[in-house]
Amino acid sequence: MATEQKHSTYLSEAESRLRQLPPEKLRVAVAIIAYLQKTEASEATEKLLLNIPDFAQSFREIEQNEDKLENTTSNQIASDEEVLQAYLAVEKKWEEVFRHLADS
């Protein structure tokens, strides 16, 4: 109960002080409060995630794999000829499937 009372006292004091600020400084105070809320949420999320078994190791591995992918040439766009050849190969396989269906 004492904690709730302290909380209420802090809120009242904060509200009183905020009401006395000019608009420019009130805007800064709101930004500071938003920052505090954001860091609190981030810290809570971080603690939660780090409690998951092997999460940190898995996360590092994912980051390393992404780095490797970004540094490879396999991410280059295929040439028109490569795309055409792949398309023709797929078409040929479908033709075989249709022939087998027609024969059965």
PDB file of N, CA and C in Angstrom:
ATOM      1  N   MET A   1       0.826  -1.189   0.000  1.00  0.00           N
ATOM      2  CA  MET A   1       0.000   0.000   0.000  1.00  0.00           C
ATOM      3  C   MET A   1       0.869   1.251   0.000  1.00  0.00           C
ATOM      4  N   ALA A   2       2.003   1.202   0.683  1.00  0.00           N
ATOM      5  CA  ALA A   2       2.897   2.359   0.751  1.00  0.00           C
ATOM      6  C   ALA A   2       3.427   2.714  -0.634  1.00  0.00           C
ATOM      7  N   THR A   3       3.664   1.700  -1.442  1.00  0.00           N
ATOM      8  CA  THR A   3       4.153   1.933  -2.799  1.00  0.00           C
ATOM      9  C   THR A   3       3.115   2.683  -3.621  1.00  0.00           C
ATOM     10  N   GLU A   4       1.857   2.278  -3.517  1.00  0.00           N
ATOM     11  CA  GLU A   4       0.778   2.960  -4.238  1.00  0.00           C
ATOM     12  C   GLU A   4       0.659   4.414  -3.799  1.00  0.00           C
ATOM     13  N   GLN A   5       0.842   4.655  -2.521  1.00  0.00           N
ATOM     14  CA  GLN A   5       0.738   6.015  -1.994  1.00  0.00           C
ATOM     15  C   GLN A   5       1.886   6.875  -2.536  1.00  0.00           C
ATOM     16  N   LYS A   6       3.101   6.317  -2.576  1.00  0.00           N
ATOM     17  CA  LYS A   6       4.247   7.043  -3.134  1.00  0.00           C
ATOM     18  C   LYS A   6       4.000   7.351  -4.609  1.00  0.00           C
ATOM     19  N   HIS A   7       3.468   6.361  -5.310  1.00  0.00           N
ATOM     20  CA  HIS A   7       3.178   6.525  -6.735  1.00  0.00           C
ATOM     21  C   HIS A   7       2.191   7.678  -6.951  1.00  0.00           C
ATOM     22  N   SER A   8       1.149   7.681  -6.172  1.00  0.00           N
ATOM     23  CA  SER A   8       0.135   8.736  -6.259  1.00  0.00           C
ATOM     24  C   SER A   8       0.738  10.106  -5.934  1.00  0.00           C
ATOM     25  N   THR A   9       1.611  10.149  -4.945  1.00  0.00           N
ATOM     26  CA  THR A   9       2.264  11.406  -4.559  1.00  0.00           C
ATOM     27  C   THR A   9       3.145  11.914  -5.698  1.00  0.00           C
ATOM     28  N   TYR A  10       3.909  10.996  -6.305  1.00  0.00           N
ATOM     29  CA  TYR A  10       4.774  11.387  -7.431  1.00  0.00           C
ATOM     30  C   TYR A  10       3.953  11.897  -8.610  1.00  0.00           C
ATOM     31  N   LEU A  11       2.839  11.229  -8.885  1.00  0.00           N
ATOM     32  CA  LEU A  11       1.978  11.667  -9.987  1.00  0.00           C
ATOM     33  C   LEU A  11       1.424  13.065  -9.731  1.00  0.00           C
ATOM     34  N   SER A  12       0.984  13.306  -8.514  1.00  0.00           N
ATOM     35  CA  SER A  12       0.451  14.627  -8.168  1.00  0.00           C
ATOM     36  C   SER A  12       1.521  15.699  -8.306  1.00  0.00           C
ATOM     37  N   GLU A  13       2.711  15.413  -7.812  1.00  0.00           N
ATOM     38  CA  GLU A  13       3.807  16.380  -7.909  1.00  0.00           C
ATOM     39  C   GLU A  13       4.188  16.626  -9.365  1.00  0.00           C
ATOM     40  N   ALA A  14       4.258  15.555 -10.149  1.00  0.00           N
ATOM     41  CA  ALA A  14       4.598  15.698 -11.567  1.00  0.00           C
ATOM     42  C   ALA A  14       3.549  16.543 -12.289  1.00  0.00           C
ATOM     43  N   GLU A  15       2.292  16.261 -12.033  1.00  0.00           N
ATOM     44  CA  GLU A  15       1.224  17.026 -12.675  1.00  0.00           C
ATOM     45  C   GLU A  15       1.307  18.499 -12.292  1.00  0.00           C
ATOM     46  N   SER A  16       1.542  18.773 -11.032  1.00  0.00           N
ATOM     47  CA  SER A  16       1.654  20.154 -10.567  1.00  0.00           C
ATOM     48  C   SER A  16       2.804  20.877 -11.268  1.00  0.00           C
ATOM     49  N   ARG A  17       3.946  20.208 -11.356  1.00  0.00           N
ATOM     50  CA  ARG A  17       5.105  20.816 -12.009  1.00  0.00           C
ATOM     51  C   ARG A  17       4.877  20.986 -13.510  1.00  0.00           C
ATOM     52  N   LEU A  18       4.264  19.993 -14.151  1.00  0.00           N
ATOM     53  CA  LEU A  18       4.007  20.077 -15.587  1.00  0.00           C
ATOM     54  C   LEU A  18       3.064  21.235 -15.922  1.00  0.00           C
ATOM     55  N   ARG A  19       2.082  21.473 -15.089  1.00  0.00           N
ATOM     56  CA  ARG A  19       1.123  22.565 -15.324  1.00  0.00           C
ATOM     57  C   ARG A  19       1.798  23.930 -15.260  1.00  0.00           C
ATOM     58  N   GLN A  20       2.926  24.028 -14.577  1.00  0.00           N
ATOM     59  CA  GLN A  20       3.619  25.306 -14.436  1.00  0.00           C
ATOM     60  C   GLN A  20       4.602  25.580 -15.581  1.00  0.00           C
ATOM     61  N   LEU A  21       4.851  24.581 -16.419  1.00  0.00           N
ATOM     62  CA  LEU A  21       5.828  24.751 -17.494  1.00  0.00           C
ATOM     63  C   LEU A  21       5.233  25.477 -18.701  1.00  0.00           C
ATOM     64  N   PRO A  22       6.055  26.274 -19.392  1.00  0.00           N
ATOM     65  CA  PRO A  22       5.603  26.857 -20.650  1.00  0.00           C
ATOM     66  C   PRO A  22       5.507  25.740 -21.706  1.00  0.00           C
ATOM     67  N   PRO A  23       4.730  25.959 -22.771  1.00  0.00           N
ATOM     68  CA  PRO A  23       4.497  24.907 -23.766  1.00  0.00           C
ATOM     69  C   PRO A  23       5.777  24.266 -24.329  1.00  0.00           C
ATOM     70  N   GLU A  24       6.828  25.059 -24.593  1.00  0.00           N
ATOM     71  CA  GLU A  24       8.054  24.502 -25.181  1.00  0.00           C
ATOM     72  C   GLU A  24       8.705  23.497 -24.228  1.00  0.00           C
ATOM     73  N   LYS A  25       8.751  23.869 -22.955  1.00  0.00           N
ATOM     74  CA  LYS A  25       9.374  22.977 -21.977  1.00  0.00           C
ATOM     75  C   LYS A  25       8.470  21.793 -21.644  1.00  0.00           C
ATOM     76  N   LEU A  26       7.161  21.989 -21.739  1.00  0.00           N
ATOM     77  CA  LEU A  26       6.232  20.889 -21.527  1.00  0.00           C
ATOM     78  C   LEU A  26       6.436  19.831 -22.610  1.00  0.00           C
ATOM     79  N   ARG A  27       6.662  20.299 -23.830  1.00  0.00           N
ATOM     80  CA  ARG A  27       6.913  19.381 -24.945  1.00  0.00           C
ATOM     81  C   ARG A  27       8.179  18.561 -24.682  1.00  0.00           C
ATOM     82  N   VAL A  28       9.216  19.195 -24.147  1.00  0.00           N
ATOM     83  CA  VAL A  28      10.458  18.490 -23.812  1.00  0.00           C
ATOM     84  C   VAL A  28      10.205  17.469 -22.701  1.00  0.00           C
ATOM     85  N   ALA A  29       9.428  17.860 -21.700  1.00  0.00           N
ATOM     86  CA  ALA A  29       9.119  16.953 -20.593  1.00  0.00           C
ATOM     87  C   ALA A  29       8.360  15.726 -21.095  1.00  0.00           C
ATOM     88  N   VAL A  30       7.435  15.929 -22.004  1.00  0.00           N
ATOM     89  CA  VAL A  30       6.672  14.808 -22.568  1.00  0.00           C
ATOM     90  C   VAL A  30       7.610  13.888 -23.358  1.00  0.00           C
ATOM     91  N   ALA A  31       8.545  14.479 -24.082  1.00  0.00           N
ATOM     92  CA  ALA A  31       9.510  13.667 -24.836  1.00  0.00           C
ATOM     93  C   ALA A  31      10.371  12.833 -23.894  1.00  0.00           C
ATOM     94  N   ILE A  32      10.765  13.422 -22.779  1.00  0.00           N
ATOM     95  CA  ILE A  32      11.567  12.682 -21.795  1.00  0.00           C
ATOM     96  C   ILE A  32      10.756  11.535 -21.206  1.00  0.00           C
ATOM     97  N   ILE A  33       9.505  11.797 -20.886  1.00  0.00           N
ATOM     98  CA  ILE A  33       8.642  10.744 -20.334  1.00  0.00           C
ATOM     99  C   ILE A  33       8.469   9.617 -21.356  1.00  0.00           C
ATOM    100  N   ALA A  34       8.257   9.975 -22.608  1.00  0.00           N
ATOM    101  CA  ALA A  34       8.109   8.964 -23.664  1.00  0.00           C
ATOM    102  C   ALA A  34       9.379   8.132 -23.785  1.00  0.00           C
ATOM    103  N   TYR A  35      10.524   8.799 -23.705  1.00  0.00           N
ATOM    104  CA  TYR A  35      11.801   8.079 -23.768  1.00  0.00           C
ATOM    105  C   TYR A  35      11.917   7.091 -22.614  1.00  0.00           C
ATOM    106  N   LEU A  36      11.571   7.537 -21.415  1.00  0.00           N
ATOM    107  CA  LEU A  36      11.641   6.654 -20.243  1.00  0.00           C
ATOM    108  C   LEU A  36      10.729   5.444 -20.403  1.00  0.00           C
ATOM    109  N   GLN A  37       9.529   5.672 -20.941  1.00  0.00           N
ATOM    110  CA  GLN A  37       8.601   4.559 -21.153  1.00  0.00           C
ATOM    111  C   GLN A  37       9.164   3.579 -22.184  1.00  0.00           C
ATOM    112  N   LYS A  38       9.728   4.114 -23.234  1.00  0.00           N
ATOM    113  CA  LYS A  38      10.268   3.268 -24.303  1.00  0.00           C
ATOM    114  C   LYS A  38      11.428   2.419 -23.784  1.00  0.00           C
ATOM    115  N   THR A  39      12.343   3.034 -23.031  1.00  0.00           N
ATOM    116  CA  THR A  39      13.475   2.264 -22.517  1.00  0.00           C
ATOM    117  C   THR A  39      13.022   1.225 -21.509  1.00  0.00           C
ATOM    118  N   GLU A  40      11.997   1.550 -20.741  1.00  0.00           N
ATOM    119  CA  GLU A  40      11.455   0.583 -19.775  1.00  0.00           C
ATOM    120  C   GLU A  40      10.895  -0.629 -20.520  1.00  0.00           C
ATOM    121  N   ALA A  41      10.145  -0.373 -21.585  1.00  0.00           N
ATOM    122  CA  ALA A  41       9.568  -1.468 -22.369  1.00  0.00           C
ATOM    123  C   ALA A  41      10.674  -2.276 -23.045  1.00  0.00           C
ATOM    124  N   SER A  42      11.695  -1.610 -23.555  1.00  0.00           N
ATOM    125  CA  SER A  42      12.798  -2.306 -24.215  1.00  0.00           C
ATOM    126  C   SER A  42      13.544  -3.201 -23.236  1.00  0.00           C
ATOM    127  N   GLU A  43      13.791  -2.671 -22.050  1.00  0.00           N
ATOM    128  CA  GLU A  43      14.492  -3.461 -21.035  1.00  0.00           C
ATOM    129  C   GLU A  43      13.676  -4.676 -20.624  1.00  0.00           C
ATOM    130  N   ALA A  44      12.367  -4.497 -20.489  1.00  0.00           N
ATOM    131  CA  ALA A  44      11.497  -5.614 -20.110  1.00  0.00           C
ATOM    132  C   ALA A  44      11.493  -6.674 -21.205  1.00  0.00           C
ATOM    133  N   THR A  45      11.421  -6.241 -22.456  1.00  0.00           N
ATOM    134  CA  THR A  45      11.425  -7.174 -23.577  1.00  0.00           C
ATOM    135  C   THR A  45      12.748  -7.926 -23.635  1.00  0.00           C
ATOM    136  N   GLU A  46      13.843  -7.198 -23.448  1.00  0.00           N
ATOM    137  CA  GLU A  46      15.160  -7.819 -23.474  1.00  0.00           C
ATOM    138  C   GLU A  46      15.288  -8.880 -22.386  1.00  0.00           C
ATOM    139  N   LYS A  47      14.832  -8.565 -21.182  1.00  0.00           N
ATOM    140  CA  LYS A  47      14.898  -9.536 -20.092  1.00  0.00           C
ATOM    141  C   LYS A  47      14.058 -10.769 -20.412  1.00  0.00           C
ATOM    142  N   LEU A  48      12.884 -10.545 -20.981  1.00  0.00           N
ATOM    143  CA  LEU A  48      12.001 -11.653 -21.328  1.00  0.00           C
ATOM    144  C   LEU A  48      12.649 -12.554 -22.372  1.00  0.00           C
ATOM    145  N   LEU A  49      13.204 -11.951 -23.420  1.00  0.00           N
ATOM    146  CA  LEU A  49      13.823 -12.733 -24.488  1.00  0.00           C
ATOM    147  C   LEU A  49      15.056 -13.481 -24.001  1.00  0.00           C
ATOM    148  N   LEU A  50      15.832 -12.852 -23.150  1.00  0.00           N
ATOM    149  CA  LEU A  50      17.047 -13.501 -22.667  1.00  0.00           C
ATOM    150  C   LEU A  50      16.743 -14.667 -21.728  1.00  0.00           C
ATOM    151  N   ASN A  51      15.522 -14.735 -21.223  1.00  0.00           N
ATOM    152  CA  ASN A  51      15.124 -15.865 -20.381  1.00  0.00           C
ATOM    153  C   ASN A  51      14.726 -17.086 -21.202  1.00  0.00           C
ATOM    154  N   ILE A  52      14.554 -16.920 -22.504  1.00  0.00           N
ATOM    155  CA  ILE A  52      14.230 -18.053 -23.374  1.00  0.00           C
ATOM    156  C   ILE A  52      15.520 -18.844 -23.587  1.00  0.00           C
ATOM    157  N   PRO A  53      15.501 -20.153 -23.327  1.00  0.00           N
ATOM    158  CA  PRO A  53      16.723 -20.952 -23.478  1.00  0.00           C
ATOM    159  C   PRO A  53      17.315 -20.831 -24.883  1.00  0.00           C
ATOM    160  N   ASP A  54      18.607 -20.587 -24.954  1.00  0.00           N
ATOM    161  CA  ASP A  54      19.382 -20.513 -26.207  1.00  0.00           C
ATOM    162  C   ASP A  54      18.964 -19.375 -27.129  1.00  0.00           C
ATOM    163  N   PHE A  55      18.159 -18.431 -26.643  1.00  0.00           N
ATOM    164  CA  PHE A  55      17.722 -17.336 -27.517  1.00  0.00           C
ATOM    165  C   PHE A  55      18.900 -16.489 -27.983  1.00  0.00           C
ATOM    166  N   ALA A  56      19.762 -16.103 -27.056  1.00  0.00           N
ATOM    167  CA  ALA A  56      20.884 -15.227 -27.409  1.00  0.00           C
ATOM    168  C   ALA A  56      21.770 -15.882 -28.461  1.00  0.00           C
ATOM    169  N   GLN A  57      22.090 -17.163 -28.280  1.00  0.00           N
ATOM    170  CA  GLN A  57      22.935 -17.876 -29.246  1.00  0.00           C
ATOM    171  C   GLN A  57      22.244 -17.969 -30.604  1.00  0.00           C
ATOM    172  N   SER A  58      20.963 -18.289 -30.616  1.00  0.00           N
ATOM    173  CA  SER A  58      20.225 -18.389 -31.876  1.00  0.00           C
ATOM    174  C   SER A  58      20.174 -17.040 -32.584  1.00  0.00           C
ATOM    175  N   PHE A  59      19.976 -15.988 -31.832  1.00  0.00           N
ATOM    176  CA  PHE A  59      19.910 -14.654 -32.411  1.00  0.00           C
ATOM    177  C   PHE A  59      21.245 -14.288 -33.057  1.00  0.00           C
ATOM    178  N   ARG A  60      22.348 -14.588 -32.363  1.00  0.00           N
ATOM    179  CA  ARG A  60      23.674 -14.306 -32.925  1.00  0.00           C
ATOM    180  C   ARG A  60      23.900 -15.089 -34.217  1.00  0.00           C
ATOM    181  N   GLU A  61      23.481 -16.344 -34.239  1.00  0.00           N
ATOM    182  CA  GLU A  61      23.647 -17.165 -35.436  1.00  0.00           C
ATOM    183  C   GLU A  61      22.854 -16.594 -36.609  1.00  0.00           C
ATOM    184  N   ILE A  62      21.642 -16.131 -36.339  1.00  0.00           N
ATOM    185  CA  ILE A  62      20.819 -15.527 -37.396  1.00  0.00           C
ATOM    186  C   ILE A  62      21.498 -14.285 -37.944  1.00  0.00           C
ATOM    187  N   GLU A  63      22.013 -13.445 -37.044  1.00  0.00           N
ATOM    188  CA  GLU A  63      22.701 -12.234 -37.492  1.00  0.00           C
ATOM    189  C   GLU A  63      23.910 -12.578 -38.340  1.00  0.00           C
ATOM    190  N   GLN A  64      24.682 -13.601 -37.934  1.00  0.00           N
ATOM    191  CA  GLN A  64      25.857 -14.004 -38.697  1.00  0.00           C
ATOM    192  C   GLN A  64      25.460 -14.519 -40.068  1.00  0.00           C
ATOM    193  N   ASN A  65      24.384 -15.300 -40.145  1.00  0.00           N
ATOM    194  CA  ASN A  65      23.921 -15.813 -41.435  1.00  0.00           C
ATOM    195  C   ASN A  65      23.468 -14.683 -42.348  1.00  0.00           C
ATOM    196  N   GLU A  66      22.806 -13.683 -41.785  1.00  0.00           N
ATOM    197  CA  GLU A  66      22.386 -12.541 -42.593  1.00  0.00           C
ATOM    198  C   GLU A  66      23.588 -11.790 -43.133  1.00  0.00           C
ATOM    199  N   ASP A  67      24.611 -11.634 -42.299  1.00  0.00           N
ATOM    200  CA  ASP A  67      25.832 -10.959 -42.748  1.00  0.00           C
ATOM    201  C   ASP A  67      26.473 -11.727 -43.893  1.00  0.00           C
ATOM    202  N   LYS A  68      26.507 -13.051 -43.770  1.00  0.00           N
ATOM    203  CA  LYS A  68      27.093 -13.871 -44.833  1.00  0.00           C
ATOM    204  C   LYS A  68      26.309 -13.714 -46.127  1.00  0.00           C
ATOM    205  N   LEU A  69      24.979 -13.706 -46.033  1.00  0.00           N
ATOM    206  CA  LEU A  69      24.147 -13.567 -47.229  1.00  0.00           C
ATOM    207  C   LEU A  69      24.358 -12.227 -47.912  1.00  0.00           C
ATOM    208  N   GLU A  70      24.482 -11.187 -47.113  1.00  0.00           N
ATOM    209  CA  GLU A  70      24.677  -9.857 -47.685  1.00  0.00           C
ATOM    210  C   GLU A  70      26.000  -9.747 -48.413  1.00  0.00           C
ATOM    211  N   ASN A  71      26.982 -10.544 -48.030  1.00  0.00           N
ATOM    212  CA  ASN A  71      28.311 -10.454 -48.613  1.00  0.00           C
ATOM    213  C   ASN A  71      28.551 -11.454 -49.737  1.00  0.00           C
ATOM    214  N   THR A  72      27.526 -12.179 -50.163  1.00  0.00           N
ATOM    215  CA  THR A  72      27.715 -13.149 -51.238  1.00  0.00           C
ATOM    216  C   THR A  72      27.180 -12.594 -52.550  1.00  0.00           C
ATOM    217  N   THR A  73      27.676 -13.167 -53.630  1.00  0.00           N
ATOM    218  CA  THR A  73      27.211 -12.743 -54.947  1.00  0.00           C
ATOM    219  C   THR A  73      25.953 -13.486 -55.355  1.00  0.00           C
ATOM    220  N   SER A  74      25.503 -14.443 -54.545  1.00  0.00           N
ATOM    221  CA  SER A  74      24.300 -15.205 -54.897  1.00  0.00           C
ATOM    222  C   SER A  74      23.046 -14.349 -54.842  1.00  0.00           C
ATOM    223  N   ASN A  75      23.141 -13.163 -54.269  1.00  0.00           N
ATOM    224  CA  ASN A  75      21.987 -12.276 -54.198  1.00  0.00           C
ATOM    225  C   ASN A  75      21.841 -11.421 -55.455  1.00  0.00           C
ATOM    226  N   GLN A  76      22.690 -11.652 -56.437  1.00  0.00           N
ATOM    227  CA  GLN A  76      22.595 -10.874 -57.665  1.00  0.00           C
ATOM    228  C   GLN A  76      21.344 -11.280 -58.426  1.00  0.00           C
ATOM    229  N   ILE A  77      20.823 -10.364 -59.199  1.00  0.00           N
ATOM    230  CA  ILE A  77      19.622 -10.630 -59.980  1.00  0.00           C
ATOM    231  C   ILE A  77      19.983 -11.531 -61.153  1.00  0.00           C
ATOM    232  N   ALA A  78      19.165 -12.535 -61.385  1.00  0.00           N
ATOM    233  CA  ALA A  78      19.413 -13.453 -62.491  1.00  0.00           C
ATOM    234  C   ALA A  78      19.265 -12.731 -63.813  1.00  0.00           C
ATOM    235  N   SER A  79      20.057 -13.163 -64.773  1.00  0.00           N
ATOM    236  CA  SER A  79      19.969 -12.556 -66.103  1.00  0.00           C
ATOM    237  C   SER A  79      18.702 -13.044 -66.801  1.00  0.00           C
ATOM    238  N   ASP A  80      18.305 -12.346 -67.847  1.00  0.00           N
ATOM    239  CA  ASP A  80      17.115 -12.739 -68.611  1.00  0.00           C
ATOM    240  C   ASP A  80      17.278 -14.144 -69.180  1.00  0.00           C
ATOM    241  N   GLU A  81      18.480 -14.476 -69.624  1.00  0.00           N
ATOM    242  CA  GLU A  81      18.730 -15.792 -70.202  1.00  0.00           C
ATOM    243  C   GLU A  81      18.541 -16.888 -69.150  1.00  0.00           C
ATOM    244  N   GLU A  82      19.010 -16.643 -67.921  1.00  0.00           N
ATOM    245  CA  GLU A  82      18.852 -17.626 -66.851  1.00  0.00           C
ATOM    246  C   GLU A  82      17.380 -17.832 -66.518  1.00  0.00           C
ATOM    247  N   VAL A  83      16.641 -16.758 -66.492  1.00  0.00           N
ATOM    248  CA  VAL A  83      15.216 -16.839 -66.198  1.00  0.00           C
ATOM    249  C   VAL A  83      14.505 -17.607 -67.306  1.00  0.00           C
ATOM    250  N   LEU A  84      14.847 -17.311 -68.549  1.00  0.00           N
ATOM    251  CA  LEU A  84      14.235 -17.993 -69.687  1.00  0.00           C
ATOM    252  C   LEU A  84      14.529 -19.491 -69.629  1.00  0.00           C
ATOM    253  N   GLN A  85      15.775 -19.855 -69.345  1.00  0.00           N
ATOM    254  CA  GLN A  85      16.140 -21.268 -69.283  1.00  0.00           C
ATOM    255  C   GLN A  85      15.392 -21.987 -68.160  1.00  0.00           C
ATOM    256  N   ALA A  86      15.262 -21.341 -67.035  1.00  0.00           N
ATOM    257  CA  ALA A  86      14.526 -21.941 -65.919  1.00  0.00           C
ATOM    258  C   ALA A  86      13.062 -22.123 -66.289  1.00  0.00           C
ATOM    259  N   TYR A  87      12.484 -21.132 -66.953  1.00  0.00           N
ATOM    260  CA  TYR A  87      11.084 -21.214 -67.374  1.00  0.00           C
ATOM    261  C   TYR A  87      10.896 -22.371 -68.361  1.00  0.00           C
ATOM    262  N   LEU A  88      11.796 -22.488 -69.332  1.00  0.00           N
ATOM    263  CA  LEU A  88      11.682 -23.549 -70.338  1.00  0.00           C
ATOM    264  C   LEU A  88      11.816 -24.929 -69.687  1.00  0.00           C
ATOM    265  N   ALA A  89      12.679 -25.037 -68.687  1.00  0.00           N
ATOM    266  CA  ALA A  89      12.839 -26.321 -67.989  1.00  0.00           C
ATOM    267  C   ALA A  89      11.551 -26.698 -67.262  1.00  0.00           C
ATOM    268  N   VAL A  90      10.916 -25.735 -66.640  1.00  0.00           N
ATOM    269  CA  VAL A  90       9.649 -25.995 -65.943  1.00  0.00           C
ATOM    270  C   VAL A  90       8.571 -26.370 -66.954  1.00  0.00           C
ATOM    271  N   GLU A  91       8.511 -25.650 -68.053  1.00  0.00           N
ATOM    272  CA  GLU A  91       7.525 -25.955 -69.104  1.00  0.00           C
ATOM    273  C   GLU A  91       7.709 -27.381 -69.623  1.00  0.00           C
ATOM    274  N   LYS A  92       8.958 -27.794 -69.820  1.00  0.00           N
ATOM    275  CA  LYS A  92       9.235 -29.139 -70.312  1.00  0.00           C
ATOM    276  C   LYS A  92       8.720 -30.184 -69.323  1.00  0.00           C
ATOM    277  N   LYS A  93       8.942 -29.948 -68.036  1.00  0.00           N
ATOM    278  CA  LYS A  93       8.457 -30.895 -67.026  1.00  0.00           C
ATOM    279  C   LYS A  93       6.929 -30.970 -67.040  1.00  0.00           C
ATOM    280  N   TRP A  94       6.254 -29.826 -67.195  1.00  0.00           N
ATOM    281  CA  TRP A  94       4.794 -29.829 -67.238  1.00  0.00           C
ATOM    282  C   TRP A  94       4.295 -30.577 -68.472  1.00  0.00           C
ATOM    283  N   GLU A  95       4.979 -30.425 -69.586  1.00  0.00           N
ATOM    284  CA  GLU A  95       4.587 -31.152 -70.796  1.00  0.00           C
ATOM    285  C   GLU A  95       4.658 -32.657 -70.564  1.00  0.00           C
ATOM    286  N   GLU A  96       5.713 -33.097 -69.874  1.00  0.00           N
ATOM    287  CA  GLU A  96       5.844 -34.522 -69.558  1.00  0.00           C
ATOM    288  C   GLU A  96       4.694 -34.997 -68.675  1.00  0.00           C
ATOM    289  N   VAL A  97       4.342 -34.169 -67.684  1.00  0.00           N
ATOM    290  CA  VAL A  97       3.238 -34.518 -66.800  1.00  0.00           C
ATOM    291  C   VAL A  97       1.945 -34.631 -67.609  1.00  0.00           C
ATOM    292  N   PHE A  98       1.672 -33.661 -68.484  1.00  0.00           N
ATOM    293  CA  PHE A  98       0.457 -33.703 -69.299  1.00  0.00           C
ATOM    294  C   PHE A  98       0.435 -34.917 -70.208  1.00  0.00           C
ATOM    295  N   ARG A  99       1.593 -35.278 -70.785  1.00  0.00           N
ATOM    296  CA  ARG A  99       1.668 -36.462 -71.651  1.00  0.00           C
ATOM    297  C   ARG A  99       1.341 -37.721 -70.870  1.00  0.00           C
ATOM    298  N   HIS A 100       1.883 -37.833 -69.660  1.00  0.00           N
ATOM    299  CA  HIS A 100       1.596 -39.004 -68.832  1.00  0.00           C
ATOM    300  C   HIS A 100       0.108 -39.071 -68.483  1.00  0.00           C
ATOM    301  N   LEU A 101      -0.485 -37.917 -68.204  1.00  0.00           N
ATOM    302  CA  LEU A 101      -1.918 -37.890 -67.893  1.00  0.00           C
ATOM    303  C   LEU A 101      -2.746 -38.295 -69.108  1.00  0.00           C
ATOM    304  N   ALA A 102      -2.342 -37.824 -70.275  1.00  0.00           N
ATOM    305  CA  ALA A 102      -3.096 -38.149 -71.488  1.00  0.00           C
ATOM    306  C   ALA A 102      -2.967 -39.637 -71.823  1.00  0.00           C
ATOM    307  N   ASP A 103      -1.818 -40.207 -71.542  1.00  0.00           N
ATOM    308  CA  ASP A 103      -1.578 -41.630 -71.848  1.00  0.00           C
ATOM    309  C   ASP A 103      -2.290 -42.554 -70.871  1.00  0.00           C
ATOM    310  N   SER A 104      -2.648 -42.045 -69.712  1.00  0.00           N
ATOM    311  CA  SER A 104      -3.243 -42.938 -68.716  1.00  0.00           C
ATOM    312  C   SER A 104      -4.737 -43.015 -68.825  1.00  0.00           C
TER     313      SER A 104
END
